[in-house]
N, C-alpha and C. Protein backbone atom coordinates (compact mmCIF):
# COMPACT_ATOMS: atom_id res chain seq x y z
N MET A 1 11.51 5.95 22.94
CA MET A 1 10.54 4.88 22.96
C MET A 1 9.15 5.43 23.30
N ALA A 2 9.07 6.24 24.37
CA ALA A 2 7.79 6.81 24.76
C ALA A 2 7.24 7.72 23.68
N GLY A 3 8.13 8.47 23.01
CA GLY A 3 7.71 9.34 21.91
C GLY A 3 7.14 8.55 20.75
N THR A 4 7.75 7.39 20.45
CA THR A 4 7.26 6.54 19.37
C THR A 4 5.88 6.01 19.71
N LEU A 5 5.70 5.54 20.95
CA LEU A 5 4.40 5.01 21.36
C LEU A 5 3.34 6.11 21.34
N LEU A 6 3.68 7.30 21.81
CA LEU A 6 2.74 8.42 21.77
C LEU A 6 2.36 8.75 20.34
N GLY A 7 3.34 8.74 19.43
CA GLY A 7 3.07 9.01 18.02
C GLY A 7 2.12 7.99 17.42
N LEU A 8 2.30 6.70 17.76
CA LEU A 8 1.41 5.66 17.24
C LEU A 8 0.01 5.82 17.80
N VAL A 9 -0.10 6.18 19.07
CA VAL A 9 -1.41 6.39 19.67
C VAL A 9 -2.11 7.56 18.99
N LEU A 10 -1.39 8.66 18.74
CA LEU A 10 -1.98 9.81 18.08
C LEU A 10 -2.41 9.48 16.66
N ILE A 11 -1.60 8.71 15.95
CA ILE A 11 -1.96 8.32 14.58
C ILE A 11 -3.19 7.44 14.60
N ALA A 12 -3.26 6.50 15.56
CA ALA A 12 -4.39 5.59 15.62
C ALA A 12 -5.68 6.31 15.99
N ALA A 13 -5.59 7.43 16.71
CA ALA A 13 -6.78 8.11 17.17
C ALA A 13 -7.12 9.36 16.35
N ALA A 14 -6.34 9.66 15.33
CA ALA A 14 -6.42 10.95 14.66
C ALA A 14 -7.75 11.30 13.99
N PRO A 15 -8.13 10.70 12.86
CA PRO A 15 -9.25 11.28 12.10
C PRO A 15 -10.61 10.94 12.68
N SER A 16 -11.49 11.93 12.66
CA SER A 16 -12.88 11.69 13.03
C SER A 16 -13.72 11.44 11.78
N GLN A 17 -13.21 11.86 10.63
CA GLN A 17 -13.86 11.64 9.34
C GLN A 17 -13.06 10.57 8.57
N PRO A 18 -13.73 9.79 7.73
CA PRO A 18 -12.99 8.80 6.93
C PRO A 18 -11.97 9.49 6.02
N ILE A 19 -10.85 8.83 5.83
CA ILE A 19 -9.84 9.33 4.89
C ILE A 19 -10.23 8.84 3.51
N ARG A 20 -10.27 9.76 2.55
CA ARG A 20 -10.75 9.43 1.21
C ARG A 20 -9.69 9.73 0.15
N PHE A 21 -9.74 9.00 -0.93
CA PHE A 21 -8.80 9.20 -2.04
C PHE A 21 -8.81 10.64 -2.54
N GLU A 22 -9.98 11.24 -2.58
CA GLU A 22 -10.12 12.59 -3.11
C GLU A 22 -9.35 13.63 -2.29
N GLN A 23 -9.09 13.35 -1.05
CA GLN A 23 -8.33 14.28 -0.20
C GLN A 23 -6.86 14.37 -0.62
N PHE A 24 -6.40 13.41 -1.43
CA PHE A 24 -5.01 13.35 -1.85
C PHE A 24 -4.90 13.31 -3.37
N ALA A 25 -5.81 14.03 -4.01
CA ALA A 25 -5.90 14.04 -5.47
C ALA A 25 -4.65 14.64 -6.10
N VAL A 26 -4.29 14.11 -7.27
CA VAL A 26 -3.20 14.67 -8.07
C VAL A 26 -3.84 15.43 -9.23
N SER A 27 -3.14 16.46 -9.70
CA SER A 27 -3.73 17.31 -10.74
C SER A 27 -3.62 16.72 -12.14
N LYS A 28 -2.59 15.91 -12.39
CA LYS A 28 -2.40 15.33 -13.72
C LYS A 28 -2.09 13.84 -13.60
N THR A 29 -2.55 13.09 -14.60
CA THR A 29 -2.20 11.67 -14.66
C THR A 29 -1.48 11.40 -15.98
N PHE A 30 -0.45 10.59 -15.89
CA PHE A 30 0.38 10.25 -17.04
C PHE A 30 -0.22 9.05 -17.77
N THR A 31 -0.38 9.18 -19.08
CA THR A 31 -0.95 8.09 -19.87
C THR A 31 -0.03 7.62 -20.98
N GLY A 32 1.17 8.20 -21.08
CA GLY A 32 2.10 7.84 -22.15
C GLY A 32 2.82 6.53 -21.85
N GLU A 33 3.79 6.24 -22.69
CA GLU A 33 4.60 5.04 -22.50
C GLU A 33 5.54 5.24 -21.31
N ALA A 34 5.51 4.30 -20.39
CA ALA A 34 6.30 4.41 -19.17
C ALA A 34 7.78 4.18 -19.45
N ALA A 35 8.62 4.93 -18.73
CA ALA A 35 10.07 4.73 -18.81
C ALA A 35 10.43 3.38 -18.22
N SER A 36 11.49 2.78 -18.73
CA SER A 36 11.99 1.53 -18.15
C SER A 36 12.56 1.81 -16.76
N PRO A 37 12.41 0.86 -15.83
CA PRO A 37 12.97 1.08 -14.50
C PRO A 37 14.48 1.31 -14.56
N ASN A 38 14.95 2.33 -13.87
CA ASN A 38 16.38 2.61 -13.77
C ASN A 38 16.93 1.75 -12.64
N LEU A 39 17.55 0.64 -13.00
CA LEU A 39 18.03 -0.32 -12.01
C LEU A 39 19.17 0.22 -11.17
N ALA A 40 19.80 1.30 -11.61
CA ALA A 40 20.88 1.91 -10.83
C ALA A 40 20.34 2.91 -9.80
N SER A 41 19.04 3.18 -9.82
CA SER A 41 18.48 4.20 -8.94
C SER A 41 18.24 3.71 -7.51
N HIS A 42 18.27 2.41 -7.29
CA HIS A 42 18.11 1.86 -5.95
C HIS A 42 18.91 0.57 -5.84
N PRO A 43 19.60 0.35 -4.72
CA PRO A 43 20.44 -0.85 -4.58
C PRO A 43 19.68 -2.17 -4.71
N ARG A 44 18.40 -2.20 -4.39
CA ARG A 44 17.62 -3.45 -4.47
C ARG A 44 16.98 -3.67 -5.83
N ALA A 45 17.00 -2.67 -6.69
CA ALA A 45 16.28 -2.75 -7.97
C ALA A 45 16.78 -3.89 -8.85
N ARG A 46 18.07 -4.12 -8.90
CA ARG A 46 18.62 -5.18 -9.75
C ARG A 46 18.11 -6.56 -9.34
N THR A 47 17.96 -6.77 -8.04
CA THR A 47 17.47 -8.05 -7.54
C THR A 47 16.08 -8.37 -8.08
N TYR A 48 15.25 -7.36 -8.23
CA TYR A 48 13.86 -7.55 -8.65
C TYR A 48 13.61 -7.03 -10.06
N ARG A 49 14.64 -7.01 -10.90
CA ARG A 49 14.57 -6.39 -12.22
C ARG A 49 13.47 -6.96 -13.11
N THR A 50 13.24 -8.26 -13.07
CA THR A 50 12.24 -8.86 -13.96
C THR A 50 10.84 -8.37 -13.63
N VAL A 51 10.45 -8.42 -12.37
CA VAL A 51 9.10 -7.97 -12.00
C VAL A 51 8.97 -6.46 -12.14
N LEU A 52 10.03 -5.71 -11.86
CA LEU A 52 9.98 -4.26 -12.04
C LEU A 52 9.75 -3.91 -13.51
N ARG A 53 10.48 -4.55 -14.40
CA ARG A 53 10.33 -4.28 -15.83
C ARG A 53 8.94 -4.68 -16.33
N THR A 54 8.49 -5.86 -15.91
CA THR A 54 7.19 -6.36 -16.35
C THR A 54 6.06 -5.43 -15.91
N GLU A 55 6.06 -5.05 -14.65
CA GLU A 55 4.99 -4.21 -14.11
C GLU A 55 5.07 -2.78 -14.63
N ALA A 56 6.27 -2.26 -14.81
CA ALA A 56 6.43 -0.88 -15.29
C ALA A 56 5.88 -0.74 -16.71
N LYS A 57 5.94 -1.79 -17.51
CA LYS A 57 5.41 -1.74 -18.88
C LYS A 57 3.91 -1.46 -18.91
N SER A 58 3.21 -1.84 -17.86
CA SER A 58 1.76 -1.63 -17.83
C SER A 58 1.39 -0.16 -17.61
N GLY A 59 2.36 0.66 -17.26
CA GLY A 59 2.12 2.10 -17.13
C GLY A 59 1.75 2.53 -15.73
N ALA A 60 1.57 3.82 -15.58
CA ALA A 60 1.25 4.41 -14.28
C ALA A 60 -0.09 3.90 -13.77
N ASN A 61 -0.13 3.61 -12.46
CA ASN A 61 -1.38 3.18 -11.84
C ASN A 61 -1.60 3.84 -10.48
N PHE A 62 -0.73 4.80 -10.13
CA PHE A 62 -0.78 5.38 -8.79
C PHE A 62 -0.22 6.81 -8.80
N ALA A 63 -0.85 7.69 -8.06
CA ALA A 63 -0.35 9.04 -7.78
C ALA A 63 0.09 9.81 -9.03
N GLY A 64 -0.65 9.67 -10.10
CA GLY A 64 -0.39 10.45 -11.31
C GLY A 64 0.57 9.84 -12.28
N HIS A 65 1.80 9.54 -11.85
CA HIS A 65 2.79 9.02 -12.79
C HIS A 65 3.68 7.94 -12.19
N PHE A 66 3.16 7.22 -11.21
CA PHE A 66 3.92 6.14 -10.58
C PHE A 66 3.24 4.80 -10.83
N THR A 67 4.03 3.74 -10.76
CA THR A 67 3.51 2.39 -10.88
C THR A 67 3.82 1.64 -9.59
N VAL A 68 2.78 1.16 -8.91
CA VAL A 68 2.97 0.32 -7.74
C VAL A 68 3.29 -1.08 -8.24
N VAL A 69 4.38 -1.64 -7.75
CA VAL A 69 4.81 -2.98 -8.13
C VAL A 69 4.68 -3.88 -6.91
N ARG A 70 3.93 -4.97 -7.08
CA ARG A 70 3.75 -5.96 -6.02
C ARG A 70 4.72 -7.10 -6.28
N ILE A 71 5.60 -7.34 -5.33
CA ILE A 71 6.60 -8.40 -5.46
C ILE A 71 6.21 -9.51 -4.50
N GLY A 72 5.84 -10.67 -5.05
CA GLY A 72 5.40 -11.78 -4.22
C GLY A 72 6.44 -12.18 -3.18
N ALA A 73 5.96 -12.39 -1.95
CA ALA A 73 6.85 -12.76 -0.85
C ALA A 73 6.22 -13.87 0.00
N GLY A 74 5.40 -14.70 -0.61
CA GLY A 74 4.71 -15.76 0.12
C GLY A 74 3.21 -15.59 -0.01
N THR A 75 2.47 -16.53 0.53
CA THR A 75 1.02 -16.51 0.42
C THR A 75 0.44 -15.27 1.08
N GLY A 76 -0.25 -14.46 0.31
CA GLY A 76 -0.90 -13.27 0.83
C GLY A 76 0.07 -12.23 1.37
N THR A 77 1.29 -12.22 0.85
CA THR A 77 2.31 -11.28 1.33
C THR A 77 3.09 -10.73 0.13
N ILE A 78 3.33 -9.42 0.15
CA ILE A 78 4.11 -8.80 -0.92
C ILE A 78 5.11 -7.80 -0.35
N LEU A 79 6.16 -7.60 -1.11
CA LEU A 79 7.04 -6.45 -0.91
C LEU A 79 6.50 -5.39 -1.86
N LEU A 80 6.65 -4.15 -1.48
CA LEU A 80 6.13 -3.06 -2.30
C LEU A 80 7.28 -2.28 -2.90
N ALA A 81 7.18 -2.00 -4.20
CA ALA A 81 8.12 -1.11 -4.88
C ALA A 81 7.29 -0.11 -5.68
N VAL A 82 7.87 1.04 -5.96
CA VAL A 82 7.19 2.07 -6.74
C VAL A 82 8.16 2.54 -7.81
N VAL A 83 7.69 2.60 -9.06
CA VAL A 83 8.51 3.05 -10.18
C VAL A 83 7.90 4.32 -10.75
N ASP A 84 8.73 5.34 -10.95
CA ASP A 84 8.28 6.58 -11.57
C ASP A 84 8.19 6.34 -13.07
N ALA A 85 7.00 6.45 -13.63
CA ALA A 85 6.79 6.18 -15.05
C ALA A 85 7.43 7.24 -15.93
N LEU A 86 7.74 8.42 -15.38
CA LEU A 86 8.38 9.48 -16.15
C LEU A 86 9.90 9.31 -16.22
N SER A 87 10.51 9.04 -15.07
CA SER A 87 11.98 8.99 -15.00
C SER A 87 12.54 7.57 -14.93
N GLY A 88 11.74 6.61 -14.51
CA GLY A 88 12.22 5.25 -14.32
C GLY A 88 12.82 5.02 -12.94
N ALA A 89 12.87 6.04 -12.09
CA ALA A 89 13.42 5.89 -10.74
C ALA A 89 12.63 4.83 -9.98
N VAL A 90 13.35 4.00 -9.24
CA VAL A 90 12.75 2.91 -8.47
C VAL A 90 12.86 3.24 -6.99
N TYR A 91 11.76 3.04 -6.27
CA TYR A 91 11.72 3.28 -4.82
C TYR A 91 11.25 2.01 -4.12
N PHE A 92 11.90 1.68 -3.03
CA PHE A 92 11.46 0.62 -2.14
C PHE A 92 11.11 1.31 -0.82
N PRO A 93 9.85 1.63 -0.62
CA PRO A 93 9.46 2.39 0.57
C PRO A 93 9.84 1.68 1.87
N LYS A 94 10.22 2.47 2.86
CA LYS A 94 10.50 1.91 4.19
C LYS A 94 9.19 1.54 4.88
N HIS A 95 8.14 2.31 4.61
CA HIS A 95 6.84 2.10 5.25
C HIS A 95 5.77 2.13 4.17
N PRO A 96 5.01 1.16 3.89
CA PRO A 96 5.13 -0.20 4.39
C PRO A 96 6.00 -1.01 3.45
N ALA A 97 7.08 -1.54 3.91
CA ALA A 97 7.96 -2.35 3.08
C ALA A 97 7.31 -3.69 2.75
N LEU A 98 6.57 -4.21 3.70
CA LEU A 98 5.92 -5.51 3.56
C LEU A 98 4.43 -5.34 3.83
N ILE A 99 3.61 -5.97 3.01
CA ILE A 99 2.16 -5.95 3.21
C ILE A 99 1.68 -7.39 3.23
N SER A 100 0.88 -7.73 4.24
CA SER A 100 0.38 -9.10 4.36
C SER A 100 -1.11 -9.08 4.66
N TRP A 101 -1.83 -9.94 3.96
CA TRP A 101 -3.25 -10.10 4.24
C TRP A 101 -3.56 -11.56 4.53
N ALA A 102 -2.52 -12.38 4.75
CA ALA A 102 -2.72 -13.77 5.16
C ALA A 102 -3.43 -13.77 6.52
N GLY A 103 -4.54 -14.47 6.61
CA GLY A 103 -5.30 -14.50 7.85
C GLY A 103 -6.30 -13.35 8.00
N TRP A 104 -6.36 -12.44 7.02
CA TRP A 104 -7.32 -11.32 7.04
C TRP A 104 -8.56 -11.79 6.30
N TRP A 105 -9.68 -11.93 6.99
CA TRP A 105 -10.88 -12.51 6.40
C TRP A 105 -11.95 -11.46 6.11
N HIS A 106 -11.53 -10.35 5.57
CA HIS A 106 -12.45 -9.29 5.18
C HIS A 106 -12.18 -8.91 3.73
N ASP A 107 -13.16 -8.30 3.09
CA ASP A 107 -12.98 -7.68 1.79
C ASP A 107 -13.10 -6.19 1.99
N PRO A 108 -12.29 -5.37 1.37
CA PRO A 108 -11.14 -5.72 0.54
C PRO A 108 -9.95 -6.17 1.39
N TYR A 109 -8.88 -6.58 0.69
CA TYR A 109 -7.67 -7.00 1.37
C TYR A 109 -6.46 -6.54 0.57
N GLY A 110 -5.32 -6.42 1.27
CA GLY A 110 -4.09 -5.98 0.61
C GLY A 110 -4.09 -4.49 0.33
N PRO A 111 -3.22 -4.06 -0.58
CA PRO A 111 -3.13 -2.63 -0.89
C PRO A 111 -4.20 -2.19 -1.88
N VAL A 112 -4.75 -1.00 -1.66
CA VAL A 112 -5.73 -0.40 -2.56
C VAL A 112 -5.23 1.00 -2.88
N TYR A 113 -5.22 1.35 -4.17
CA TYR A 113 -4.69 2.64 -4.61
C TYR A 113 -5.32 3.02 -5.93
N ARG A 114 -5.16 4.28 -6.31
CA ARG A 114 -5.72 4.78 -7.57
C ARG A 114 -4.70 5.68 -8.27
N ILE A 115 -4.83 5.79 -9.58
CA ILE A 115 -3.91 6.63 -10.35
C ILE A 115 -4.11 8.11 -10.05
N ASP A 116 -5.29 8.51 -9.62
CA ASP A 116 -5.58 9.93 -9.41
C ASP A 116 -5.40 10.39 -7.96
N SER A 117 -4.71 9.57 -7.15
CA SER A 117 -4.56 9.92 -5.74
C SER A 117 -3.21 9.45 -5.19
N ARG A 118 -2.69 10.17 -4.18
CA ARG A 118 -1.46 9.81 -3.49
C ARG A 118 -1.73 8.91 -2.28
N LEU A 119 -2.98 8.51 -2.07
CA LEU A 119 -3.36 7.71 -0.91
C LEU A 119 -3.23 6.22 -1.22
N LEU A 120 -2.60 5.50 -0.31
CA LEU A 120 -2.52 4.04 -0.35
C LEU A 120 -3.20 3.53 0.91
N ILE A 121 -4.15 2.63 0.76
CA ILE A 121 -4.83 2.03 1.90
C ILE A 121 -4.44 0.55 1.94
N VAL A 122 -4.02 0.09 3.10
CA VAL A 122 -3.63 -1.31 3.27
C VAL A 122 -4.62 -1.97 4.22
N TYR A 123 -5.24 -3.04 3.75
CA TYR A 123 -6.16 -3.84 4.55
C TYR A 123 -5.43 -5.12 4.93
N GLY A 124 -5.22 -5.32 6.21
CA GLY A 124 -4.46 -6.47 6.70
C GLY A 124 -3.35 -5.98 7.60
N ARG A 125 -2.13 -6.40 7.32
CA ARG A 125 -0.97 -5.99 8.11
C ARG A 125 -0.02 -5.19 7.23
N SER A 126 0.57 -4.16 7.80
CA SER A 126 1.56 -3.40 7.05
C SER A 126 2.82 -3.25 7.88
N GLY A 127 3.95 -3.46 7.23
CA GLY A 127 5.24 -3.31 7.90
C GLY A 127 5.90 -4.63 8.21
N SER A 128 5.15 -5.60 8.74
CA SER A 128 5.70 -6.92 9.03
C SER A 128 4.55 -7.91 9.20
N GLU A 129 4.89 -9.19 9.18
CA GLU A 129 3.87 -10.21 9.39
C GLU A 129 3.47 -10.32 10.85
N ASP A 130 4.17 -9.61 11.73
CA ASP A 130 3.84 -9.59 13.15
C ASP A 130 3.04 -8.35 13.54
N ALA A 131 2.82 -7.46 12.60
CA ALA A 131 2.08 -6.23 12.88
C ALA A 131 0.62 -6.56 13.21
N PRO A 132 -0.07 -5.70 13.92
CA PRO A 132 -1.48 -5.95 14.20
C PRO A 132 -2.32 -5.83 12.93
N TYR A 133 -3.44 -6.55 12.91
CA TYR A 133 -4.38 -6.45 11.80
C TYR A 133 -5.13 -5.13 11.87
N GLY A 134 -5.43 -4.59 10.70
CA GLY A 134 -6.20 -3.36 10.66
C GLY A 134 -6.17 -2.72 9.29
N ILE A 135 -6.53 -1.45 9.26
CA ILE A 135 -6.53 -0.67 8.03
C ILE A 135 -5.55 0.48 8.22
N SER A 136 -4.56 0.55 7.34
CA SER A 136 -3.53 1.59 7.40
C SER A 136 -3.69 2.53 6.22
N TYR A 137 -3.55 3.82 6.49
CA TYR A 137 -3.67 4.85 5.46
C TYR A 137 -2.31 5.53 5.32
N PHE A 138 -1.78 5.53 4.09
CA PHE A 138 -0.48 6.12 3.82
C PHE A 138 -0.59 7.17 2.72
N GLU A 139 0.20 8.23 2.85
CA GLU A 139 0.31 9.24 1.80
C GLU A 139 1.67 9.10 1.13
N TRP A 140 1.68 9.07 -0.21
CA TRP A 140 2.92 9.02 -0.98
C TRP A 140 3.53 10.42 -1.01
N THR A 141 4.80 10.53 -0.63
CA THR A 141 5.47 11.83 -0.57
C THR A 141 6.32 12.10 -1.80
N GLY A 142 6.42 11.14 -2.70
CA GLY A 142 7.26 11.28 -3.89
C GLY A 142 8.46 10.36 -3.85
N HIS A 143 8.78 9.85 -2.64
CA HIS A 143 9.90 8.91 -2.51
C HIS A 143 9.66 7.88 -1.41
N ASP A 144 8.63 8.07 -0.59
CA ASP A 144 8.29 7.12 0.46
C ASP A 144 6.85 7.37 0.89
N PHE A 145 6.32 6.50 1.74
CA PHE A 145 4.98 6.67 2.27
C PHE A 145 5.05 7.21 3.69
N LYS A 146 4.07 8.03 4.03
CA LYS A 146 3.94 8.56 5.39
C LYS A 146 2.65 7.99 5.97
N LEU A 147 2.75 7.33 7.14
CA LEU A 147 1.56 6.79 7.79
C LEU A 147 0.69 7.93 8.29
N LEU A 148 -0.57 7.94 7.86
CA LEU A 148 -1.52 8.96 8.27
C LEU A 148 -2.39 8.49 9.43
N HIS A 149 -2.78 7.22 9.37
CA HIS A 149 -3.73 6.71 10.36
C HIS A 149 -3.74 5.19 10.32
N PHE A 150 -3.95 4.58 11.48
CA PHE A 150 -4.11 3.13 11.57
C PHE A 150 -5.37 2.84 12.39
N GLU A 151 -6.23 2.00 11.83
CA GLU A 151 -7.45 1.56 12.52
C GLU A 151 -7.30 0.09 12.85
N PRO A 152 -7.10 -0.27 14.11
CA PRO A 152 -7.01 -1.69 14.45
C PRO A 152 -8.34 -2.39 14.15
N ARG A 153 -8.26 -3.60 13.64
CA ARG A 153 -9.45 -4.40 13.34
C ARG A 153 -9.17 -5.86 13.69
N ASP A 154 -10.23 -6.58 14.01
CA ASP A 154 -10.03 -8.02 14.19
C ASP A 154 -9.80 -8.64 12.83
N ARG A 155 -9.19 -9.79 12.81
CA ARG A 155 -8.85 -10.42 11.53
C ARG A 155 -10.04 -11.08 10.85
N GLY A 156 -11.16 -11.24 11.55
CA GLY A 156 -12.33 -11.88 10.96
C GLY A 156 -12.22 -13.39 11.08
N ALA A 157 -13.07 -14.09 10.35
CA ALA A 157 -13.07 -15.55 10.37
C ALA A 157 -13.21 -16.05 8.94
N PRO A 158 -12.69 -17.26 8.68
CA PRO A 158 -12.85 -17.81 7.33
C PRO A 158 -14.32 -17.86 6.94
N TYR A 159 -14.57 -17.71 5.65
CA TYR A 159 -15.95 -17.59 5.16
C TYR A 159 -16.85 -18.73 5.60
N GLY A 160 -16.38 -19.95 5.61
CA GLY A 160 -17.21 -21.08 6.00
C GLY A 160 -17.46 -21.15 7.49
N LEU A 161 -16.68 -20.42 8.29
CA LEU A 161 -16.81 -20.49 9.75
C LEU A 161 -17.49 -19.27 10.35
N ARG A 162 -17.94 -18.35 9.53
CA ARG A 162 -18.62 -17.16 10.06
C ARG A 162 -20.00 -17.52 10.56
N ARG A 163 -20.42 -16.83 11.60
CA ARG A 163 -21.77 -17.02 12.09
C ARG A 163 -22.76 -16.47 11.07
N PRO A 164 -23.85 -17.18 10.84
CA PRO A 164 -24.82 -16.66 9.87
C PRO A 164 -25.41 -15.33 10.35
N THR A 165 -25.62 -14.46 9.40
CA THR A 165 -26.26 -13.17 9.69
C THR A 165 -27.77 -13.39 9.70
N PRO A 166 -28.45 -12.95 10.77
CA PRO A 166 -29.91 -13.15 10.78
C PRO A 166 -30.57 -12.38 9.65
N ASN A 167 -31.60 -12.97 9.09
CA ASN A 167 -32.35 -12.29 8.04
C ASN A 167 -33.13 -11.13 8.65
N VAL A 168 -33.08 -10.02 7.97
CA VAL A 168 -33.81 -8.84 8.44
C VAL A 168 -34.86 -8.53 7.39
N LEU A 169 -36.10 -8.45 7.83
CA LEU A 169 -37.19 -8.15 6.90
C LEU A 169 -37.60 -6.72 6.97
């Protein structure tokens, strides 16, 4: 327990420089026709076969040859799956399994990723709807995400309830 808490504190305090997509660049990006999801490659794949097939058809959108699939799980909440566009292998990452931006009043929100990088940035909550609000940085390892850093943030306020910003001349 103490080791886990120490690890979270170290992750939260780690970088002095911003983490950037370019730091996790991939050398090649796949632009061909994506393989169909292999529903036998993960026990949960069959349950979500329709959304996996639909999203995989759009092709790679992450880490060179992977497709991030957002599976709706309520207002402002998704389950995350990743499909290998080359092999069709389906992954349901343990971290972050659930991403929520319900109650997050900042832009951007939710997961942000690029085809030319292994970096996934989550704005809001990652892991559960009870997790603290903030910005989480994850690196794709080829089969799961590794948490690199977490920056706690306040959730903000709804747009109509924000205090006006004074005009600066």
